Amino acid sequence: MKMKFSEREQWLLFAAALMAVCYLAYQMFFLPKGMEVFTLSQKLTIESGKLKNFEEKAKVLKTIETAPLEKLRTNKSKERQTIEALRYIAQAVSNLDVDLVSIRPQNESSAGSAKTILFNIELYGSYNNIYKFMKTLSDLPILILIDSMNMVRGENSKVNVSLTLSVYY
């Protein structure tokens, strides 16, 4: 059975086939690229938000960096700095199996443009825990340097340690 289409019907059939081919091409080529563009635009929005946050943090850090050292020091008195240092040291000792025998703040001194507070500390514990304590001191957010250290062997593989620390502010 042979069907004969009129010229108008042939053009309509051709237009429908062309539309079907265009639709398939759109589904195969343009839609995946559109989805990729959409996900990339979302990532761009997220990353630009992160960039704005980092730029704000950089501005704050820049103002802190350029602030005069004397102005920063006026915010922290010797007493506040001493209390902060004692808190950090006590926290470091409490996290380890180290006995804090004594801690004595000494006088304040100047080292160039920075000021220091000296502490004499006596600890009792195993060598490994004393080492971990000193490592913890280096990781604290304030600058603490060990000026002198004296270790004496104690009982049961424990050591008595006398430290002189300089806390800079």
N, C-alpha and C. Protein backbone atom coordinates (compact mmCIF):
# COMPACT_ATOMS: atom_id res chain seq x y z
N MET A 1 0.84 -1.15 0.00
CA MET A 1 0.00 0.00 0.00
C MET A 1 0.91 1.24 0.00
N LYS A 2 0.81 1.89 -1.05
CA LYS A 2 1.60 3.05 -1.26
C LYS A 2 0.77 4.26 -0.93
N MET A 3 1.39 5.11 -0.05
CA MET A 3 0.66 6.32 0.33
C MET A 3 1.24 7.48 -0.44
N LYS A 4 0.38 8.23 -0.89
CA LYS A 4 0.81 9.43 -1.59
C LYS A 4 0.47 10.61 -0.73
N PHE A 5 1.50 11.43 -0.52
CA PHE A 5 1.29 12.65 0.26
C PHE A 5 1.27 13.83 -0.67
N SER A 6 0.46 14.74 -0.29
CA SER A 6 0.43 15.97 -1.07
C SER A 6 1.69 16.77 -0.75
N GLU A 7 1.91 17.78 -1.58
CA GLU A 7 3.12 18.58 -1.38
C GLU A 7 3.09 19.26 -0.01
N ARG A 8 1.96 19.73 0.40
CA ARG A 8 1.81 20.36 1.72
C ARG A 8 2.13 19.38 2.83
N GLU A 9 1.63 18.16 2.72
CA GLU A 9 1.88 17.14 3.74
C GLU A 9 3.35 16.75 3.76
N GLN A 10 3.97 16.73 2.58
CA GLN A 10 5.40 16.42 2.54
C GLN A 10 6.21 17.49 3.27
N TRP A 11 5.86 18.75 3.05
CA TRP A 11 6.56 19.83 3.75
C TRP A 11 6.31 19.76 5.26
N LEU A 12 5.11 19.43 5.68
CA LEU A 12 4.81 19.29 7.11
C LEU A 12 5.60 18.12 7.70
N LEU A 13 5.68 17.01 6.98
CA LEU A 13 6.43 15.85 7.43
C LEU A 13 7.93 16.20 7.53
N PHE A 14 8.44 16.94 6.53
CA PHE A 14 9.83 17.37 6.55
C PHE A 14 10.09 18.30 7.75
N ALA A 15 9.18 19.21 8.03
CA ALA A 15 9.33 20.14 9.14
C ALA A 15 9.29 19.38 10.48
N ALA A 16 8.42 18.39 10.58
CA ALA A 16 8.32 17.59 11.81
C ALA A 16 9.61 16.79 12.01
N ALA A 17 10.14 16.21 10.94
CA ALA A 17 11.39 15.45 11.04
C ALA A 17 12.55 16.37 11.41
N LEU A 18 12.57 17.57 10.82
CA LEU A 18 13.62 18.54 11.14
C LEU A 18 13.52 18.97 12.60
N MET A 19 12.32 19.15 13.09
CA MET A 19 12.13 19.52 14.50
C MET A 19 12.58 18.37 15.41
N ALA A 20 12.30 17.14 15.02
CA ALA A 20 12.73 15.99 15.82
C ALA A 20 14.24 15.89 15.86
N VAL A 21 14.90 16.12 14.73
CA VAL A 21 16.36 16.09 14.68
C VAL A 21 16.93 17.23 15.54
N CYS A 22 16.35 18.41 15.45
CA CYS A 22 16.80 19.55 16.27
C CYS A 22 16.61 19.26 17.76
N TYR A 23 15.48 18.66 18.10
CA TYR A 23 15.23 18.33 19.51
C TYR A 23 16.25 17.32 20.02
N LEU A 24 16.54 16.29 19.23
CA LEU A 24 17.53 15.29 19.64
C LEU A 24 18.93 15.91 19.75
N ALA A 25 19.26 16.78 18.81
CA ALA A 25 20.57 17.46 18.88
C ALA A 25 20.64 18.33 20.13
N TYR A 26 19.55 19.02 20.44
CA TYR A 26 19.52 19.84 21.66
C TYR A 26 19.71 18.97 22.90
N GLN A 27 19.03 17.84 22.95
CA GLN A 27 19.13 16.94 24.10
C GLN A 27 20.53 16.34 24.22
N MET A 28 21.17 16.06 23.10
CA MET A 28 22.46 15.39 23.13
C MET A 28 23.63 16.35 23.32
N PHE A 29 23.54 17.54 22.75
CA PHE A 29 24.70 18.43 22.75
C PHE A 29 24.53 19.64 23.67
N PHE A 30 23.43 20.34 23.55
CA PHE A 30 23.29 21.60 24.26
C PHE A 30 22.84 21.46 25.71
N LEU A 31 21.98 20.52 26.01
CA LEU A 31 21.49 20.37 27.38
C LEU A 31 22.60 19.96 28.36
N PRO A 32 23.47 18.97 28.02
CA PRO A 32 24.57 18.65 28.95
C PRO A 32 25.51 19.84 29.16
N LYS A 33 25.79 20.58 28.11
CA LYS A 33 26.65 21.75 28.25
C LYS A 33 25.97 22.82 29.10
N GLY A 34 24.67 22.94 28.96
CA GLY A 34 23.91 23.90 29.78
C GLY A 34 23.97 23.53 31.26
N MET A 35 23.87 22.23 31.54
CA MET A 35 23.96 21.77 32.93
C MET A 35 25.37 22.03 33.47
N GLU A 36 26.38 21.81 32.64
CA GLU A 36 27.75 22.06 33.04
C GLU A 36 27.96 23.55 33.33
N VAL A 37 27.40 24.41 32.49
CA VAL A 37 27.49 25.85 32.71
C VAL A 37 26.79 26.22 34.02
N PHE A 38 25.65 25.61 34.29
CA PHE A 38 24.91 25.90 35.51
C PHE A 38 25.71 25.49 36.75
N THR A 39 26.29 24.28 36.75
CA THR A 39 27.07 23.85 37.92
C THR A 39 28.32 24.70 38.09
N LEU A 40 28.95 25.08 36.96
CA LEU A 40 30.13 25.95 37.06
C LEU A 40 29.77 27.33 37.59
N SER A 41 28.60 27.84 37.21
CA SER A 41 28.19 29.15 37.74
C SER A 41 27.90 29.06 39.24
N GLN A 42 27.35 27.94 39.69
CA GLN A 42 27.14 27.75 41.13
C GLN A 42 28.48 27.69 41.86
N LYS A 43 29.44 26.94 41.31
CA LYS A 43 30.77 26.87 41.93
C LYS A 43 31.43 28.24 41.95
N LEU A 44 31.25 28.99 40.88
CA LEU A 44 31.82 30.34 40.81
C LEU A 44 31.22 31.23 41.88
N THR A 45 29.93 31.12 42.10
CA THR A 45 29.27 31.92 43.14
C THR A 45 29.82 31.56 44.52
N ILE A 46 29.98 30.27 44.78
CA ILE A 46 30.51 29.82 46.08
C ILE A 46 31.95 30.30 46.26
N GLU A 47 32.77 30.12 45.23
CA GLU A 47 34.17 30.52 45.33
C GLU A 47 34.32 32.04 45.44
N SER A 48 33.46 32.79 44.77
CA SER A 48 33.55 34.25 44.90
C SER A 48 33.15 34.69 46.30
N GLY A 49 32.21 33.98 46.93
CA GLY A 49 31.87 34.26 48.33
C GLY A 49 33.05 33.98 49.25
N LYS A 50 33.73 32.85 49.00
CA LYS A 50 34.92 32.53 49.79
C LYS A 50 36.00 33.58 49.58
N LEU A 51 36.16 34.02 48.34
CA LEU A 51 37.16 35.04 48.04
C LEU A 51 36.87 36.33 48.78
N LYS A 52 35.61 36.73 48.83
CA LYS A 52 35.23 37.94 49.57
C LYS A 52 35.56 37.79 51.05
N ASN A 53 35.29 36.60 51.61
CA ASN A 53 35.62 36.36 53.02
C ASN A 53 37.12 36.46 53.25
N PHE A 54 37.91 35.85 52.36
CA PHE A 54 39.36 35.91 52.50
C PHE A 54 39.88 37.33 52.34
N GLU A 55 39.27 38.11 51.43
CA GLU A 55 39.69 39.50 51.27
C GLU A 55 39.40 40.31 52.52
N GLU A 56 38.24 40.06 53.16
CA GLU A 56 37.92 40.76 54.40
C GLU A 56 38.89 40.38 55.51
N LYS A 57 39.22 39.09 55.60
CA LYS A 57 40.19 38.65 56.60
C LYS A 57 41.55 39.28 56.33
N ALA A 58 41.93 39.36 55.05
CA ALA A 58 43.22 39.97 54.70
C ALA A 58 43.24 41.44 55.09
N LYS A 59 42.12 42.14 54.92
CA LYS A 59 42.05 43.56 55.33
C LYS A 59 42.23 43.70 56.83
N VAL A 60 41.57 42.82 57.58
CA VAL A 60 41.70 42.87 59.04
C VAL A 60 43.13 42.58 59.45
N LEU A 61 43.72 41.55 58.85
CA LEU A 61 45.11 41.23 59.17
C LEU A 61 46.05 42.35 58.77
N LYS A 62 45.77 43.01 57.68
CA LYS A 62 46.61 44.12 57.23
C LYS A 62 46.53 45.28 58.23
N THR A 63 45.33 45.55 58.76
CA THR A 63 45.22 46.63 59.75
C THR A 63 45.94 46.26 61.04
N ILE A 64 45.87 44.99 61.42
CA ILE A 64 46.59 44.54 62.61
C ILE A 64 48.08 44.63 62.37
N GLU A 65 48.51 44.23 61.18
CA GLU A 65 49.93 44.25 60.86
C GLU A 65 50.48 45.66 60.84
N THR A 66 49.71 46.59 60.33
CA THR A 66 50.19 47.96 60.22
C THR A 66 49.94 48.79 61.47
N ALA A 67 49.20 48.23 62.43
CA ALA A 67 48.96 48.96 63.68
C ALA A 67 50.28 49.09 64.44
N PRO A 68 50.50 50.23 65.05
CA PRO A 68 51.74 50.39 65.81
C PRO A 68 51.80 49.38 66.96
N LEU A 69 53.02 48.91 67.21
CA LEU A 69 53.23 47.90 68.25
C LEU A 69 52.84 48.45 69.61
N GLU A 70 53.10 49.70 69.86
CA GLU A 70 52.74 50.30 71.15
C GLU A 70 51.23 50.29 71.35
N LYS A 71 50.49 50.54 70.27
CA LYS A 71 49.03 50.53 70.37
C LYS A 71 48.52 49.15 70.73
N LEU A 72 49.13 48.12 70.13
CA LEU A 72 48.73 46.75 70.45
C LEU A 72 49.09 46.41 71.89
N ARG A 73 50.24 46.91 72.35
CA ARG A 73 50.64 46.61 73.72
C ARG A 73 49.73 47.26 74.75
N THR A 74 49.18 48.41 74.42
CA THR A 74 48.29 49.08 75.38
C THR A 74 47.04 48.25 75.62
N ASN A 75 46.69 47.42 74.66
CA ASN A 75 45.52 46.57 74.84
C ASN A 75 45.78 45.45 75.84
N LYS A 76 47.03 45.02 75.96
CA LYS A 76 47.37 43.94 76.88
C LYS A 76 48.37 44.45 77.90
N SER A 77 47.94 44.50 79.10
CA SER A 77 48.86 44.90 80.17
C SER A 77 49.72 43.71 80.56
N LYS A 78 50.71 43.99 81.39
CA LYS A 78 51.59 42.91 81.85
C LYS A 78 50.77 41.86 82.60
N GLU A 79 49.82 42.30 83.39
CA GLU A 79 49.00 41.36 84.17
C GLU A 79 48.14 40.49 83.26
N ARG A 80 47.52 41.10 82.25
CA ARG A 80 46.69 40.32 81.33
C ARG A 80 47.53 39.32 80.54
N GLN A 81 48.72 39.76 80.12
CA GLN A 81 49.61 38.86 79.38
C GLN A 81 50.08 37.72 80.28
N THR A 82 50.36 38.03 81.54
CA THR A 82 50.79 36.99 82.49
C THR A 82 49.68 35.98 82.70
N ILE A 83 48.46 36.46 82.87
CA ILE A 83 47.32 35.56 83.09
C ILE A 83 47.09 34.69 81.85
N GLU A 84 47.20 35.31 80.67
CA GLU A 84 47.02 34.55 79.44
C GLU A 84 48.09 33.47 79.30
N ALA A 85 49.33 33.82 79.58
CA ALA A 85 50.43 32.84 79.49
C ALA A 85 50.23 31.73 80.51
N LEU A 86 49.84 32.07 81.74
CA LEU A 86 49.59 31.05 82.76
C LEU A 86 48.46 30.11 82.34
N ARG A 87 47.45 30.67 81.72
CA ARG A 87 46.33 29.84 81.26
C ARG A 87 46.79 28.86 80.18
N TYR A 88 47.58 29.33 79.22
CA TYR A 88 48.08 28.45 78.17
C TYR A 88 49.00 27.37 78.74
N ILE A 89 49.87 27.75 79.66
CA ILE A 89 50.80 26.77 80.25
C ILE A 89 50.02 25.74 81.07
N ALA A 90 49.05 26.20 81.85
CA ALA A 90 48.25 25.27 82.66
C ALA A 90 47.45 24.32 81.77
N GLN A 91 46.95 24.83 80.68
CA GLN A 91 46.21 23.97 79.76
C GLN A 91 47.12 22.93 79.13
N ALA A 92 48.34 23.33 78.78
CA ALA A 92 49.30 22.38 78.20
C ALA A 92 49.67 21.30 79.22
N VAL A 93 49.84 21.69 80.48
CA VAL A 93 50.19 20.72 81.53
C VAL A 93 49.03 19.77 81.80
N SER A 94 47.80 20.31 81.81
CA SER A 94 46.66 19.46 82.15
C SER A 94 46.36 18.43 81.06
N ASN A 95 46.74 18.71 79.82
CA ASN A 95 46.49 17.76 78.74
C ASN A 95 47.47 16.59 78.75
N LEU A 96 48.56 16.72 79.50
CA LEU A 96 49.57 15.67 79.55
C LEU A 96 49.68 15.13 80.97
N ASP A 97 50.35 14.01 81.10
CA ASP A 97 50.56 13.41 82.42
C ASP A 97 51.85 13.98 83.01
N VAL A 98 51.80 15.30 83.29
CA VAL A 98 52.95 16.01 83.84
C VAL A 98 52.46 16.72 85.10
N ASP A 99 53.26 16.63 86.18
CA ASP A 99 52.91 17.32 87.41
C ASP A 99 53.61 18.67 87.43
N LEU A 100 52.83 19.72 87.63
CA LEU A 100 53.38 21.06 87.74
C LEU A 100 53.68 21.30 89.22
N VAL A 101 54.97 21.36 89.55
CA VAL A 101 55.38 21.53 90.94
C VAL A 101 55.25 23.00 91.33
N SER A 102 55.77 23.89 90.52
CA SER A 102 55.64 25.32 90.81
C SER A 102 55.80 26.12 89.54
N ILE A 103 55.22 27.31 89.59
CA ILE A 103 55.38 28.27 88.50
C ILE A 103 55.44 29.65 89.12
N ARG A 104 56.50 30.37 88.79
CA ARG A 104 56.71 31.69 89.38
C ARG A 104 57.00 32.71 88.29
N PRO A 105 56.12 33.69 88.12
CA PRO A 105 56.45 34.77 87.18
C PRO A 105 57.56 35.63 87.77
N GLN A 106 58.47 36.05 86.91
CA GLN A 106 59.57 36.89 87.34
C GLN A 106 59.34 38.30 86.79
N ASN A 107 60.39 39.03 86.69
CA ASN A 107 60.28 40.41 86.26
C ASN A 107 60.04 40.52 84.75
N GLU A 108 59.63 41.71 84.37
CA GLU A 108 59.42 42.02 82.97
C GLU A 108 60.68 42.67 82.42
N SER A 109 61.02 42.34 81.18
CA SER A 109 62.18 42.95 80.56
C SER A 109 61.86 43.28 79.11
N SER A 110 62.71 44.07 78.50
CA SER A 110 62.52 44.44 77.11
C SER A 110 63.56 43.75 76.27
N ALA A 111 63.13 43.29 75.12
CA ALA A 111 64.04 42.66 74.16
C ALA A 111 63.79 43.35 72.82
N GLY A 112 64.51 44.41 72.58
CA GLY A 112 64.28 45.17 71.36
C GLY A 112 62.96 45.92 71.47
N SER A 113 62.09 45.72 70.49
CA SER A 113 60.79 46.40 70.52
C SER A 113 59.73 45.58 71.26
N ALA A 114 60.06 44.35 71.62
CA ALA A 114 59.10 43.49 72.33
C ALA A 114 59.41 43.47 73.81
N LYS A 115 58.40 43.13 74.58
CA LYS A 115 58.57 42.99 76.02
C LYS A 115 58.41 41.52 76.37
N THR A 116 59.12 41.10 77.43
CA THR A 116 59.05 39.70 77.85
C THR A 116 58.75 39.61 79.33
N ILE A 117 58.11 38.52 79.67
CA ILE A 117 57.88 38.17 81.08
C ILE A 117 58.56 36.82 81.27
N LEU A 118 59.38 36.72 82.30
CA LEU A 118 60.08 35.47 82.58
C LEU A 118 59.27 34.64 83.58
N PHE A 119 59.28 33.33 83.38
CA PHE A 119 58.63 32.39 84.27
C PHE A 119 59.64 31.32 84.65
N ASN A 120 59.66 30.94 85.93
CA ASN A 120 60.41 29.77 86.38
C ASN A 120 59.37 28.68 86.65
N ILE A 121 59.55 27.54 86.00
CA ILE A 121 58.59 26.44 86.11
C ILE A 121 59.34 25.19 86.51
N GLU A 122 58.74 24.45 87.44
CA GLU A 122 59.28 23.14 87.81
C GLU A 122 58.22 22.10 87.51
N LEU A 123 58.63 21.08 86.74
CA LEU A 123 57.74 20.01 86.31
C LEU A 123 58.29 18.67 86.74
N TYR A 124 57.39 17.68 86.84
CA TYR A 124 57.78 16.32 87.18
C TYR A 124 56.97 15.39 86.30
N GLY A 125 57.66 14.52 85.56
CA GLY A 125 56.96 13.57 84.70
C GLY A 125 57.93 12.74 83.91
N SER A 126 57.37 11.94 83.02
CA SER A 126 58.23 11.10 82.19
C SER A 126 58.90 11.97 81.12
N TYR A 127 60.02 11.47 80.62
CA TYR A 127 60.76 12.22 79.61
C TYR A 127 59.89 12.51 78.39
N ASN A 128 59.13 11.52 77.93
CA ASN A 128 58.28 11.70 76.74
C ASN A 128 57.22 12.76 76.98
N ASN A 129 56.61 12.77 78.16
CA ASN A 129 55.58 13.77 78.44
C ASN A 129 56.18 15.16 78.59
N ILE A 130 57.38 15.25 79.15
CA ILE A 130 58.06 16.55 79.23
C ILE A 130 58.37 17.05 77.82
N TYR A 131 58.82 16.14 76.95
CA TYR A 131 59.09 16.51 75.57
C TYR A 131 57.80 16.99 74.88
N LYS A 132 56.69 16.27 75.09
CA LYS A 132 55.41 16.68 74.51
C LYS A 132 54.98 18.04 75.03
N PHE A 133 55.24 18.31 76.31
CA PHE A 133 54.92 19.61 76.89
C PHE A 133 55.71 20.72 76.18
N MET A 134 57.00 20.49 75.97
CA MET A 134 57.81 21.50 75.30
C MET A 134 57.36 21.67 73.84
N LYS A 135 56.95 20.60 73.20
CA LYS A 135 56.42 20.70 71.84
C LYS A 135 55.12 21.48 71.84
N THR A 136 54.29 21.27 72.85
CA THR A 136 53.03 22.00 72.97
C THR A 136 53.31 23.50 73.15
N LEU A 137 54.35 23.84 73.90
CA LEU A 137 54.70 25.25 74.07
C LEU A 137 55.02 25.91 72.73
N SER A 138 55.65 25.17 71.84
CA SER A 138 56.00 25.76 70.55
C SER A 138 54.78 25.93 69.65
N ASP A 139 53.70 25.20 69.94
CA ASP A 139 52.49 25.30 69.12
C ASP A 139 51.47 26.29 69.65
N LEU A 140 51.75 26.92 70.79
CA LEU A 140 50.80 27.86 71.38
C LEU A 140 50.69 29.12 70.53
N PRO A 141 49.55 29.83 70.63
CA PRO A 141 49.38 31.04 69.82
C PRO A 141 50.19 32.24 70.31
N ILE A 142 50.84 32.11 71.45
CA ILE A 142 51.72 33.19 71.91
C ILE A 142 53.15 32.69 71.83
N LEU A 143 54.09 33.62 71.76
CA LEU A 143 55.48 33.25 71.60
C LEU A 143 56.09 32.98 72.97
N ILE A 144 56.47 31.73 73.20
CA ILE A 144 57.13 31.32 74.44
C ILE A 144 58.42 30.62 74.05
N LEU A 145 59.53 31.13 74.58
CA LEU A 145 60.83 30.53 74.32
C LEU A 145 61.40 29.97 75.61
N ILE A 146 62.09 28.85 75.53
CA ILE A 146 62.75 28.24 76.68
C ILE A 146 64.16 28.82 76.75
N ASP A 147 64.42 29.58 77.81
CA ASP A 147 65.74 30.18 77.98
C ASP A 147 66.73 29.20 78.57
N SER A 148 66.30 28.49 79.59
CA SER A 148 67.19 27.50 80.20
C SER A 148 66.36 26.32 80.69
N MET A 149 67.07 25.18 80.79
CA MET A 149 66.39 23.96 81.22
C MET A 149 67.39 23.11 81.99
N ASN A 150 66.91 22.58 83.10
CA ASN A 150 67.73 21.70 83.92
C ASN A 150 66.91 20.45 84.19
N MET A 151 67.44 19.28 83.81
CA MET A 151 66.74 18.02 84.04
C MET A 151 67.53 17.17 85.02
N VAL A 152 66.82 16.64 86.01
CA VAL A 152 67.43 15.75 87.00
C VAL A 152 66.59 14.49 87.03
N ARG A 153 67.29 13.36 87.01
CA ARG A 153 66.61 12.07 87.03
C ARG A 153 65.93 11.88 88.38
N GLY A 154 64.67 11.46 88.33
CA GLY A 154 63.90 11.21 89.55
C GLY A 154 63.65 9.74 89.74
N GLU A 155 62.56 9.42 90.40
CA GLU A 155 62.21 8.03 90.67
C GLU A 155 61.36 7.47 89.53
N ASN A 156 61.43 6.15 89.36
CA ASN A 156 60.58 5.42 88.41
C ASN A 156 60.62 6.01 87.00
N SER A 157 61.78 6.22 86.49
CA SER A 157 62.02 6.76 85.15
C SER A 157 61.31 8.10 84.91
N LYS A 158 61.15 8.86 85.95
CA LYS A 158 60.59 10.21 85.85
C LYS A 158 61.73 11.20 85.96
N VAL A 159 61.49 12.41 85.51
CA VAL A 159 62.51 13.45 85.58
C VAL A 159 61.92 14.70 86.23
N ASN A 160 62.77 15.40 86.96
CA ASN A 160 62.43 16.72 87.50
C ASN A 160 63.03 17.74 86.55
N VAL A 161 62.23 18.67 86.09
CA VAL A 161 62.67 19.65 85.12
C VAL A 161 62.43 21.05 85.65
N SER A 162 63.45 21.88 85.57
CA SER A 162 63.33 23.31 85.90
C SER A 162 63.52 24.09 84.61
N LEU A 163 62.54 24.90 84.27
CA LEU A 163 62.56 25.68 83.03
C LEU A 163 62.50 27.17 83.34
N THR A 164 63.18 27.94 82.55
CA THR A 164 62.99 29.39 82.55
C THR A 164 62.45 29.74 81.19
N LEU A 165 61.23 30.30 81.17
CA LEU A 165 60.54 30.62 79.94
C LEU A 165 60.46 32.12 79.75
N SER A 166 60.55 32.57 78.53
CA SER A 166 60.33 33.96 78.17
C SER A 166 59.04 34.02 77.34
N VAL A 167 58.08 34.79 77.84
CA VAL A 167 56.83 34.98 77.13
C VAL A 167 56.88 36.37 76.51
N TYR A 168 56.81 36.45 75.21
CA TYR A 168 56.92 37.72 74.49
C TYR A 168 55.54 38.29 74.23
N TYR A 169 55.46 39.60 74.41
CA TYR A 169 54.22 40.31 74.04
C TYR A 169 54.54 41.70 73.57
